[in-house]
Protein backbone atom coordinates (compact mmCIF):
# COMPACT_ATOMS: atom_id res chain seq x y z
CA UNK A 1 182.46 153.14 138.13
CA UNK A 2 179.48 154.46 136.18
CA UNK A 3 179.10 151.17 134.35
CA UNK A 4 179.06 149.28 137.65
CA UNK A 5 176.31 151.51 139.06
CA UNK A 6 174.21 151.13 135.91
CA UNK A 7 174.64 147.36 135.98
CA UNK A 8 173.69 147.22 139.67
CA UNK A 9 170.52 149.32 139.33
CA UNK A 10 169.28 147.51 136.24
CA UNK A 11 170.21 143.99 137.31
CA UNK A 12 169.08 144.05 140.96
CA UNK A 13 165.30 143.85 140.35
CA UNK A 14 165.68 141.20 137.65
CA UNK A 15 167.93 139.00 139.78
CA UNK A 16 165.54 139.37 142.71
CA UNK A 17 162.52 138.42 140.59
CA UNK A 18 164.19 135.31 139.20
CA UNK A 19 165.84 134.14 142.42
CA UNK A 20 163.41 134.94 145.24
CA UNK A 21 160.80 132.37 146.16
CA UNK A 22 159.00 134.58 148.68
CA UNK A 23 155.98 136.12 146.97
CA UNK A 24 155.99 139.11 149.32
CA UNK A 25 159.47 140.22 148.31
CA UNK A 26 158.75 139.64 144.63
CA UNK A 27 155.68 141.85 145.09
CA UNK A 28 157.87 144.58 146.63
CA UNK A 29 160.19 144.39 143.63
CA UNK A 30 157.13 144.87 141.41
CA UNK A 31 156.16 147.96 143.42
CA UNK A 32 159.71 149.29 143.07
CA UNK A 33 159.60 148.74 139.30
CA UNK A 34 156.36 150.73 138.95
CA UNK A 35 157.92 153.57 140.94
CA UNK A 36 160.99 153.38 138.72
CA UNK A 37 158.70 153.95 135.76
CA UNK A 38 157.01 156.87 137.52
CA UNK A 39 160.33 158.38 138.57
CA UNK A 40 161.67 158.21 135.02
CA UNK A 41 158.58 160.03 133.75
CA UNK A 42 158.79 162.68 136.46
CA UNK A 43 162.49 163.11 135.73
CA UNK A 44 161.61 164.29 132.24
CA UNK A 45 159.91 167.30 133.82
CA UNK A 46 161.86 167.83 137.04
CA UNK A 47 165.30 166.66 135.97
CA UNK A 48 165.49 167.75 132.34
CA UNK A 49 162.99 170.62 132.17
CA UNK A 50 163.32 172.11 135.65
CA UNK A 51 159.67 171.85 136.75
CA UNK A 52 158.28 170.25 139.93
CA UNK A 53 154.91 168.74 138.91
CA UNK A 54 153.10 167.87 142.14
CA UNK A 55 150.07 166.84 140.08
CA UNK A 56 151.89 163.69 138.97
CA UNK A 57 150.10 161.18 141.19
CA UNK A 58 146.69 162.70 140.45
CA UNK A 59 147.27 162.34 136.71
CA UNK A 60 148.32 158.72 137.28
CA UNK A 61 145.13 158.20 139.29
CA UNK A 62 142.94 159.46 136.45
CA UNK A 63 144.50 156.86 134.17
CA UNK A 64 144.08 154.17 136.84
CA UNK A 65 140.37 154.84 137.32
CA UNK A 66 139.82 155.10 133.56
CA UNK A 67 141.56 151.79 132.96
CA UNK A 68 139.65 150.09 135.78
CA UNK A 69 136.32 151.40 134.46
CA UNK A 70 137.05 150.18 130.94
CA UNK A 71 138.11 146.73 132.17
CA UNK A 72 135.57 146.08 134.93
CA UNK A 73 132.52 147.97 133.65
CA UNK A 74 132.98 147.81 129.87
CA UNK A 75 134.74 144.44 129.58
CA UNK A 76 137.65 145.83 127.58
CA UNK A 77 141.00 144.05 127.64
CA UNK A 78 143.55 145.63 129.95
CA UNK A 79 146.00 145.94 127.07
CA UNK A 80 143.51 148.13 125.20
CA UNK A 81 142.34 149.99 128.29
CA UNK A 82 145.87 150.96 129.44
CA UNK A 83 146.80 153.08 126.39
CA UNK A 84 143.35 154.70 126.45
CA UNK A 85 143.73 155.55 130.13
CA UNK A 86 147.24 156.86 129.51
CA UNK A 87 145.98 159.00 126.62
CA UNK A 88 143.30 160.45 128.93
CA UNK A 89 146.07 161.22 131.43
CA UNK A 90 148.10 162.94 128.70
CA UNK A 91 145.11 165.10 127.71
CA UNK A 92 144.53 165.98 131.36
CA UNK A 93 148.21 166.85 131.65
CA UNK A 94 147.81 169.19 128.69
CA UNK A 95 144.77 170.88 130.23
CA UNK A 96 146.44 171.24 133.62
CA UNK A 97 149.64 172.58 132.11
CA UNK A 98 147.94 175.46 130.29
CA UNK A 99 147.20 177.67 133.32
CA UNK A 100 150.33 176.73 135.28
CA UNK A 101 153.08 176.24 132.70
CA UNK A 102 153.98 179.95 132.57
CA UNK A 103 154.74 179.99 136.29
CA UNK A 104 158.23 179.43 137.66
CA UNK A 105 159.83 177.60 140.55
CA UNK A 106 157.93 177.76 143.81
CA UNK A 107 154.79 179.18 142.20
CA UNK A 108 154.58 176.32 139.71
CA UNK A 109 155.03 173.77 142.51
CA UNK A 110 152.40 175.52 144.65
CA UNK A 111 149.87 175.58 141.81
CA UNK A 112 150.54 171.89 141.23
CA UNK A 113 149.86 171.10 144.88
CA UNK A 114 146.54 172.94 144.71
CA UNK A 115 145.52 171.15 141.51
CA UNK A 116 146.58 167.79 142.98
CA UNK A 117 144.40 168.42 146.05
CA UNK A 118 141.46 169.24 143.78
CA UNK A 119 141.97 166.00 141.84
CA UNK A 120 142.05 163.98 145.08
CA UNK A 121 138.81 165.64 146.22
CA UNK A 122 137.24 164.78 142.86
CA UNK A 123 138.23 161.13 143.36
CA UNK A 124 136.40 161.14 146.69
CA UNK A 125 133.26 162.93 145.57
CA UNK A 126 132.60 161.02 142.32
CA UNK A 127 131.84 157.60 143.81
CA UNK A 128 129.99 156.42 140.70
CA UNK A 129 133.39 155.97 139.03
CA UNK A 130 135.81 155.75 141.96
CA UNK A 131 133.72 154.26 144.82
CA UNK A 132 134.78 157.27 146.87
CA UNK A 133 137.17 156.96 149.78
CA UNK A 134 136.32 153.25 150.10
CA UNK A 135 138.19 152.51 146.93
CA UNK A 136 137.76 149.79 144.32
CA UNK A 137 138.73 146.28 145.37
CA UNK A 138 139.29 143.07 143.40
CA UNK A 139 140.82 144.87 140.43
CA UNK A 140 141.88 142.05 138.08
CA UNK A 141 145.44 141.36 137.04
CA UNK A 142 146.37 142.00 133.39
CA UNK A 143 145.67 138.90 131.32
CA UNK A 144 148.13 136.86 129.30
CA UNK A 145 147.69 134.99 126.04
CA UNK A 146 145.68 132.31 127.81
CA UNK A 147 143.12 134.85 129.04
CA UNK A 148 144.13 134.40 132.68
CA UNK A 149 145.68 136.94 135.00
CA UNK A 150 149.47 137.06 134.72
CA UNK A 151 150.94 135.51 137.87
CA UNK A 152 154.24 136.28 139.59
CA UNK A 153 157.07 136.34 138.68
CA UNK A 154 155.99 136.81 135.06
CA UNK A 155 154.03 139.95 135.90
CA UNK A 156 157.11 141.49 137.48
CA UNK A 157 159.06 140.70 134.32
CA UNK A 158 156.37 142.52 132.33
CA UNK A 159 156.79 145.50 134.65
CA UNK A 160 160.55 145.36 134.12
CA UNK A 161 159.96 145.47 130.35
CA UNK A 162 157.80 148.60 130.80
CA UNK A 163 160.57 150.23 132.85
CA UNK A 164 163.18 149.38 130.22
CA UNK A 165 160.98 150.80 127.46
CA UNK A 166 160.34 153.99 129.45
CA UNK A 167 164.02 154.57 130.23
CA UNK A 168 164.92 153.93 126.60
CA UNK A 169 162.21 156.35 125.49
CA UNK A 170 163.45 159.08 127.81
CA UNK A 171 167.03 158.47 126.68
CA UNK A 172 166.08 158.73 123.01
CA UNK A 173 164.01 161.85 123.70
CA UNK A 174 166.89 163.62 125.41
CA UNK A 175 169.18 162.90 122.46
CA UNK A 176 166.89 164.75 120.08
CA UNK A 177 166.75 168.47 119.41
CA UNK A 178 163.64 168.63 121.56
CA UNK A 179 165.55 167.12 124.48
CA UNK A 180 168.41 169.58 124.09
CA UNK A 181 165.85 172.40 124.03
CA UNK A 182 164.38 171.22 127.34
CA UNK A 183 167.82 171.27 128.95
CA UNK A 184 168.43 174.77 127.58
CA UNK A 185 165.17 175.92 129.15
CA UNK A 186 166.12 174.33 132.45
CA UNK A 187 169.52 176.01 132.52
CA UNK A 188 168.37 179.53 131.61
CA UNK A 189 164.77 180.19 130.68
CA UNK A 190 165.30 183.86 129.87
CA UNK A 191 168.24 183.12 127.57
CA UNK A 192 166.20 180.40 125.86
CA UNK A 193 163.43 182.89 125.17
CA UNK A 194 165.95 185.40 123.86
CA UNK A 195 167.24 182.76 121.42
CA UNK A 196 163.72 182.35 120.03
CA UNK A 197 162.79 179.11 121.81
CA UNK A 198 159.08 178.75 122.52
CA UNK A 199 159.40 177.87 126.20
CA UNK A 200 155.68 177.38 126.81
CA UNK A 201 155.22 175.04 123.83
CA UNK A 202 158.21 172.87 124.71
CA UNK A 203 157.25 172.66 128.37
CA UNK A 204 153.71 171.69 127.41
CA UNK A 205 155.02 168.93 125.13
CA UNK A 206 157.19 167.62 127.97
CA UNK A 207 154.19 167.73 130.30
CA UNK A 208 152.12 165.66 127.85
CA UNK A 209 154.82 163.00 127.49
CA UNK A 210 155.42 162.85 131.24
CA UNK A 211 151.67 162.61 131.91
CA UNK A 212 151.38 159.71 129.46
CA UNK A 213 154.13 157.87 131.36
CA UNK A 214 152.37 158.67 134.65
CA UNK A 215 149.19 157.20 133.17
CA UNK A 216 150.94 153.96 132.21
CA UNK A 217 152.27 153.63 135.76
CA UNK A 218 148.88 154.45 137.24
CA UNK A 219 147.07 151.76 135.28
CA UNK A 220 149.76 149.18 135.99
CA UNK A 221 149.81 150.01 139.70
CA UNK A 222 146.06 149.60 140.22
CA UNK A 223 145.88 146.30 138.36
CA UNK A 224 149.06 145.02 139.97
CA UNK A 225 148.03 145.57 143.60
CA UNK A 226 144.37 144.84 142.86
CA UNK A 227 143.04 147.96 144.54
CA UNK A 228 142.58 151.68 143.85
CA UNK A 229 141.71 154.50 146.23
CA UNK A 230 142.14 158.29 146.26
CA UNK A 231 144.89 157.97 148.90
CA UNK A 232 147.00 155.96 146.48
CA UNK A 233 147.19 158.97 144.15
CA UNK A 234 147.28 161.98 146.47
CA UNK A 235 149.81 164.77 146.98
CA UNK A 236 151.94 162.68 149.35
CA UNK A 237 152.51 160.16 146.57
CA UNK A 238 153.53 162.99 144.23
CA UNK A 239 156.00 164.19 146.86
CA UNK A 240 157.37 160.67 147.35
CA UNK A 241 158.00 160.25 143.62
CA UNK A 242 159.65 163.67 143.50
CA UNK A 243 161.89 162.64 146.41
CA UNK A 244 162.92 159.47 144.56
CA UNK A 245 164.07 161.57 141.61
CA UNK A 246 165.79 164.18 143.80
CA UNK A 247 167.50 161.64 146.04
CA UNK A 248 168.68 159.42 143.19
CA UNK A 249 169.88 162.25 140.97
CA UNK A 250 167.67 164.40 138.77
CA UNK A 251 168.67 164.99 135.19
CA UNK A 252 170.27 161.54 134.91
CA UNK A 253 168.82 158.29 133.60
CA UNK A 254 170.05 156.10 136.44
CA UNK A 255 169.44 158.44 139.38
CA UNK A 256 165.61 158.19 139.47
CA UNK A 257 165.82 154.40 139.15
CA UNK A 258 168.22 154.25 142.08
CA UNK A 259 166.02 156.56 144.18
CA UNK A 260 162.92 154.46 143.48
CA UNK A 261 164.78 151.24 144.25
CA UNK A 262 165.85 152.61 147.65
CA UNK A 263 162.64 154.38 148.74
CA UNK A 264 159.68 152.59 147.13
CA UNK A 265 159.95 149.40 149.26
CA UNK A 266 160.03 151.29 152.59
CA UNK A 267 156.24 151.54 153.20
CA UNK A 268 155.92 147.77 152.73
CA UNK A 269 159.03 146.75 154.66
CA UNK A 270 158.09 149.07 157.55
CA UNK A 271 154.34 148.51 157.44
CA UNK A 272 154.17 147.97 161.21
CA UNK A 273 156.28 151.04 161.88
CA UNK A 274 154.66 153.71 159.75
CA UNK A 275 156.07 156.55 161.82
CA UNK A 276 159.62 155.36 161.09
CA UNK A 277 158.89 155.46 157.37
CA UNK A 278 157.66 159.05 157.68
CA UNK A 279 160.78 159.99 159.66
CA UNK A 280 163.02 158.41 157.02
CA UNK A 281 161.29 160.32 154.24
CA UNK A 282 161.55 163.57 156.19
CA UNK A 283 165.23 163.07 156.95
CA UNK A 284 165.86 162.12 153.32
CA UNK A 285 164.28 165.38 152.14
CA UNK A 286 166.47 167.38 154.52
CA UNK A 287 169.65 165.55 153.55
CA UNK A 288 169.00 165.87 149.82
CA UNK A 289 168.13 169.57 150.10
CA UNK A 290 171.08 170.49 152.32
CA UNK A 291 173.92 168.15 151.34
CA UNK A 292 173.07 166.32 148.10
CA UNK A 293 171.16 168.71 145.82
CA UNK A 294 172.48 166.75 142.85
CA UNK A 295 171.35 163.41 144.36
CA UNK A 296 173.32 160.24 145.07
CA UNK A 297 174.11 159.37 141.47
CA UNK A 298 174.76 163.00 140.61
CA UNK A 299 177.24 163.15 143.49
CA UNK A 300 178.99 160.02 142.20
CA UNK A 301 179.24 161.53 138.73
CA UNK A 302 180.63 164.75 140.17
CA UNK A 303 183.24 162.91 142.21
CA UNK A 304 184.15 160.81 139.19
CA UNK A 305 184.62 163.92 137.05
CA UNK A 306 186.94 165.46 139.65
CA UNK A 307 189.07 162.34 139.84
C-alpha cells in the first residue's frame, strides 16, 4: 500500500507534464511542484523538529527579490543568482532564528507570525528593490543552454528535478545522526537537553537548511510565474504551506508532497470563486486539527501498522 501511494504522488505530476497539451494545466502542475519543494523544506522544521515557522514565505520572498535584482538589475544568470538568493535566505533564517528559537509551541509560532508581518511590510516600504505593493512584472524565465527562457513542459521537468533533489536531501539528512537528533528534540525537548543535546544549535541548523530550501522555492516561483509581489510571500502563504504539510502528514517524506499536490492547485482552479477556496482551506484546517492530526498519509501508515 505504501509503495502504491509513493508511486502515485511521485508519478502524477510527471505523467501530467508529459501528457497534457493544455498549457494552463501544465502551469498548475508547475505551481504544485514548487509547493511540493516548499512543503518538503517546511517539513524539516515542522515535521521532524516540531517547530511551526510562519516566517517561511517571507524568507522565500527575500530570496525571490534578491534573485530578481541580480538577474534584472545586475545581468547575472539565473543559475548563479538562485544559489546566492538562497544563501541570503539561509542567513536571514539564521538571524531570525536567534531570538525565537528558544521559544516553544504557540509562542514560537506567534513570534514567527509577527516577524513574517514585519518582512511583508518591509517588502512594501522598500520600493527601490521590490517596487512596493505594485510588484515586479515581466520577470524572465530561467534560461537554458541556448540562452533563451526555458519553455513548458521542459521548465516543469526542471522543477520536478528540484523537487526530487530536495526530497532526497531531506531523506538523507534524516538518516544521519543530525536527523535522529532533530526527532529526539521533537519527541521530548527536556529529555534531549538532559542527555546533553544542544537543542538550540540543532534547531538553528535545521532552520538554516529549511530557509535555504525556502529560498530555492522563492526564486523558482518568481521566475516561473513571471511576477513578484509582497502578497505572494505573506503570512497567508506561510499558513497555506504549513497546512499542506499538516494535511498530507508531517514527519513523513510523502505526506507534504501529497498535501501540496491536493491544495496548491486550488487557487488557480477556483480563481473565479475565491471565497470557496478560502472555505476549503478553513474546513481543511478544522478537519486536520480535529480528526487527522497525523495527516492523510500519517493516517494511512497508522492503519497499515494496525493491520
